[in-house]
């Protein structure tokens, strides 16, 4: 969940007394934890226990009622570029006409100003991330033509291409073969 990064805090992620509610019913109630850089952390629990709500809060998609979220000592809202995210397979439109290489390159978009062309360096970082997950040979293939495990690896490559020190994954092994896991 977290990897190394520089900071003035000994923690990659800090959550203090976080409460998030939907229609006045708390989905998370007074949650606190700390994750050091380099730690791999999993969140487990039954359906409806708040796992996805926690991810949404960390990503800024769910507004906390109370509490604080910090990345490397900075408030979450001012820690742009600190977090990369790999969504659940079910939230992706697999028929969208985009190639594996284009998906990986999307990880670089946060580094490219709107007025600038995609650089050779950005393309190289996307390719390196595909090579890391052993998907470079599929870079010209449409994303929907891959197996579930291959699709997960491509979205992991996209997140890696961002270069963020924290990686959040929602249900990272759901529908993935044991060898890919």
Protein backbone atom coordinates (compact mmCIF):
# COMPACT_ATOMS: atom_id res chain seq x y z
CA UNK A 1 0.00 0.00 0.00
CA UNK A 2 2.84 2.39 0.68
CA UNK A 3 6.35 2.66 -0.60
CA UNK A 4 9.30 4.87 0.09
CA UNK A 5 9.13 8.63 -0.33
CA UNK A 6 10.67 11.70 1.25
CA UNK A 7 8.91 13.65 3.95
CA UNK A 8 9.10 15.43 7.22
CA UNK A 9 6.96 12.66 8.74
CA UNK A 10 8.02 9.10 9.54
CA UNK A 11 4.73 7.90 8.01
CA UNK A 12 3.59 7.54 4.41
CA UNK A 13 -0.07 7.51 5.48
CA UNK A 14 -1.59 8.86 8.68
CA UNK A 15 -5.30 8.66 9.43
CA UNK A 16 -6.51 10.24 12.68
CA UNK A 17 -10.05 9.84 14.05
CA UNK A 18 -11.61 9.52 10.59
CA UNK A 19 -15.40 9.32 10.36
CA UNK A 20 -17.19 9.16 7.00
CA UNK A 21 -20.97 8.97 6.71
CA UNK A 22 -23.51 8.41 3.96
CA UNK A 23 -26.91 10.02 4.63
CA UNK A 24 -25.98 10.49 8.31
CA UNK A 25 -25.14 6.78 8.77
CA UNK A 26 -21.43 6.26 9.54
CA UNK A 27 -19.59 3.94 7.16
CA UNK A 28 -16.33 4.55 9.04
CA UNK A 29 -16.34 5.60 12.67
CA UNK A 30 -13.29 7.05 14.43
CA UNK A 31 -10.63 5.17 12.43
CA UNK A 32 -6.95 5.84 13.18
CA UNK A 33 -3.81 4.18 11.81
CA UNK A 34 -0.32 4.89 10.51
CA UNK A 35 1.64 3.21 7.74
CA UNK A 36 5.40 3.68 7.43
CA UNK A 37 7.11 4.03 4.05
CA UNK A 38 7.83 0.64 2.53
CA UNK A 39 5.14 -1.18 4.49
CA UNK A 40 2.69 -3.41 2.64
CA UNK A 41 -0.69 -3.19 4.34
CA UNK A 42 -3.95 -4.95 3.58
CA UNK A 43 -7.44 -4.06 4.70
CA UNK A 44 -9.74 -7.05 5.06
CA UNK A 45 -13.33 -7.43 6.18
CA UNK A 46 -16.78 -8.47 5.05
CA UNK A 47 -18.85 -6.63 2.46
CA UNK A 48 -20.21 -3.39 3.87
CA UNK A 49 -17.49 -3.02 6.49
CA UNK A 50 -16.11 0.23 5.01
CA UNK A 51 -13.08 -0.94 2.99
CA UNK A 52 -14.11 0.89 -0.18
CA UNK A 53 -15.19 3.93 1.82
CA UNK A 54 -11.73 4.06 3.38
CA UNK A 55 -10.13 3.98 -0.08
CA UNK A 56 -12.53 6.69 -1.31
CA UNK A 57 -11.64 8.87 1.66
CA UNK A 58 -7.90 8.36 1.09
CA UNK A 59 -8.35 9.28 -2.58
CA UNK A 60 -10.48 12.34 -1.79
CA UNK A 61 -13.69 10.91 -3.29
CA UNK A 62 -15.51 10.69 0.06
CA UNK A 63 -15.49 13.74 2.32
CA UNK A 64 -14.75 12.99 5.97
CA UNK A 65 -17.22 14.19 8.60
CA UNK A 66 -14.29 14.54 10.99
CA UNK A 67 -10.70 13.43 11.16
CA UNK A 68 -7.51 13.96 9.22
CA UNK A 69 -5.69 12.17 6.41
CA UNK A 70 -2.02 12.97 5.74
CA UNK A 71 0.48 11.65 3.20
CA UNK A 72 4.11 12.10 4.25
CA UNK A 73 2.98 14.64 6.83
CA UNK A 74 1.00 16.79 4.39
CA UNK A 75 -2.79 17.08 4.42
CA UNK A 76 -4.24 14.78 1.74
CA UNK A 77 -5.68 17.68 -0.28
CA UNK A 78 -2.21 19.24 -0.67
CA UNK A 79 -0.26 16.03 -1.36
CA UNK A 80 -0.86 15.93 -5.13
CA UNK A 81 1.08 13.18 -6.85
CA UNK A 82 1.64 11.15 -3.69
CA UNK A 83 -0.94 8.46 -4.43
CA UNK A 84 -1.51 6.15 -7.39
CA UNK A 85 -4.65 4.01 -7.57
CA UNK A 86 -5.55 0.70 -9.22
CA UNK A 87 -9.37 0.31 -9.32
CA UNK A 88 -11.44 -2.86 -9.16
CA UNK A 89 -11.81 -4.61 -12.51
CA UNK A 90 -15.58 -4.12 -12.44
CA UNK A 91 -15.38 -0.33 -12.69
CA UNK A 92 -13.56 -0.31 -16.06
CA UNK A 93 -15.20 -0.16 -19.52
CA UNK A 94 -13.23 -2.96 -21.18
CA UNK A 95 -14.77 -2.16 -24.60
CA UNK A 96 -13.25 1.34 -24.65
CA UNK A 97 -10.97 1.54 -27.71
CA UNK A 98 -7.64 2.01 -25.95
CA UNK A 99 -4.47 -0.06 -26.20
CA UNK A 100 -2.36 -1.48 -23.39
CA UNK A 101 0.37 1.06 -24.17
CA UNK A 102 -2.09 3.96 -24.05
CA UNK A 103 -3.41 2.80 -20.66
CA UNK A 104 0.13 2.71 -19.25
CA UNK A 105 0.84 6.15 -20.74
CA UNK A 106 -2.22 7.54 -18.91
CA UNK A 107 -0.17 7.20 -15.75
CA UNK A 108 2.07 10.00 -17.03
CA UNK A 109 -0.76 12.48 -17.75
CA UNK A 110 -0.42 14.14 -14.33
CA UNK A 111 3.15 15.08 -15.26
CA UNK A 112 2.31 16.56 -18.68
CA UNK A 113 1.02 20.14 -18.89
CA UNK A 114 -1.98 20.51 -21.21
CA UNK A 115 0.06 22.58 -23.63
CA UNK A 116 2.88 20.05 -24.04
CA UNK A 117 3.17 16.97 -26.24
CA UNK A 118 3.86 13.60 -24.67
CA UNK A 119 7.64 13.33 -24.41
CA UNK A 120 9.96 10.47 -25.28
CA UNK A 121 10.75 10.24 -21.54
CA UNK A 122 7.05 9.84 -20.68
CA UNK A 123 6.68 7.10 -23.30
CA UNK A 124 9.80 5.38 -21.97
CA UNK A 125 8.51 5.41 -18.37
CA UNK A 126 5.19 3.91 -19.51
CA UNK A 127 7.04 1.20 -21.44
CA UNK A 128 9.31 0.46 -18.48
CA UNK A 129 6.27 0.02 -16.24
CA UNK A 130 4.79 -2.44 -18.77
CA UNK A 131 8.10 -4.30 -18.86
CA UNK A 132 8.12 -4.50 -15.06
CA UNK A 133 4.74 -6.27 -15.05
CA UNK A 134 5.71 -8.34 -18.11
CA UNK A 135 3.06 -6.80 -20.41
CA UNK A 136 5.23 -4.84 -22.89
CA UNK A 137 4.68 -7.39 -25.67
CA UNK A 138 0.94 -6.59 -25.53
CA UNK A 139 1.33 -2.80 -25.80
CA UNK A 140 -0.54 -2.57 -29.14
CA UNK A 141 -3.43 -4.81 -28.08
CA UNK A 142 -6.86 -3.41 -27.08
CA UNK A 143 -7.25 -3.63 -23.29
CA UNK A 144 -10.48 -5.66 -23.51
CA UNK A 145 -8.71 -8.45 -25.40
CA UNK A 146 -6.66 -9.43 -22.34
CA UNK A 147 -7.41 -11.87 -19.54
CA UNK A 148 -8.49 -10.51 -16.16
CA UNK A 149 -5.02 -10.99 -14.69
CA UNK A 150 -3.36 -9.29 -17.64
CA UNK A 151 -5.75 -6.34 -17.34
CA UNK A 152 -4.88 -5.98 -13.65
CA UNK A 153 -1.18 -5.97 -14.52
CA UNK A 154 -1.72 -3.22 -17.13
CA UNK A 155 -3.53 -1.04 -14.58
CA UNK A 156 -0.72 -1.71 -12.12
CA UNK A 157 1.71 -0.53 -14.83
CA UNK A 158 -0.36 2.65 -15.28
CA UNK A 159 -0.14 3.32 -11.54
CA UNK A 160 3.61 2.60 -11.53
CA UNK A 161 4.13 5.01 -14.45
CA UNK A 162 2.74 7.80 -12.26
CA UNK A 163 5.80 7.53 -10.04
CA UNK A 164 3.77 8.10 -6.86
CA UNK A 165 5.33 6.79 -3.64
CA UNK A 166 1.99 5.36 -2.40
CA UNK A 167 0.03 2.73 -4.31
CA UNK A 168 -3.58 1.94 -3.37
CA UNK A 169 -5.27 -1.11 -4.90
CA UNK A 170 -8.94 -2.00 -4.55
CA UNK A 171 -9.45 -5.79 -4.48
CA UNK A 172 -6.09 -6.44 -6.16
CA UNK A 173 -6.48 -10.20 -6.60
CA UNK A 174 -10.23 -10.53 -7.30
CA UNK A 175 -10.64 -12.66 -10.44
CA UNK A 176 -6.89 -13.07 -10.87
CA UNK A 177 -5.23 -16.45 -11.46
CA UNK A 178 -2.94 -17.76 -8.71
CA UNK A 179 0.16 -17.42 -10.92
CA UNK A 180 -0.55 -13.71 -11.50
CA UNK A 181 -1.38 -13.15 -7.83
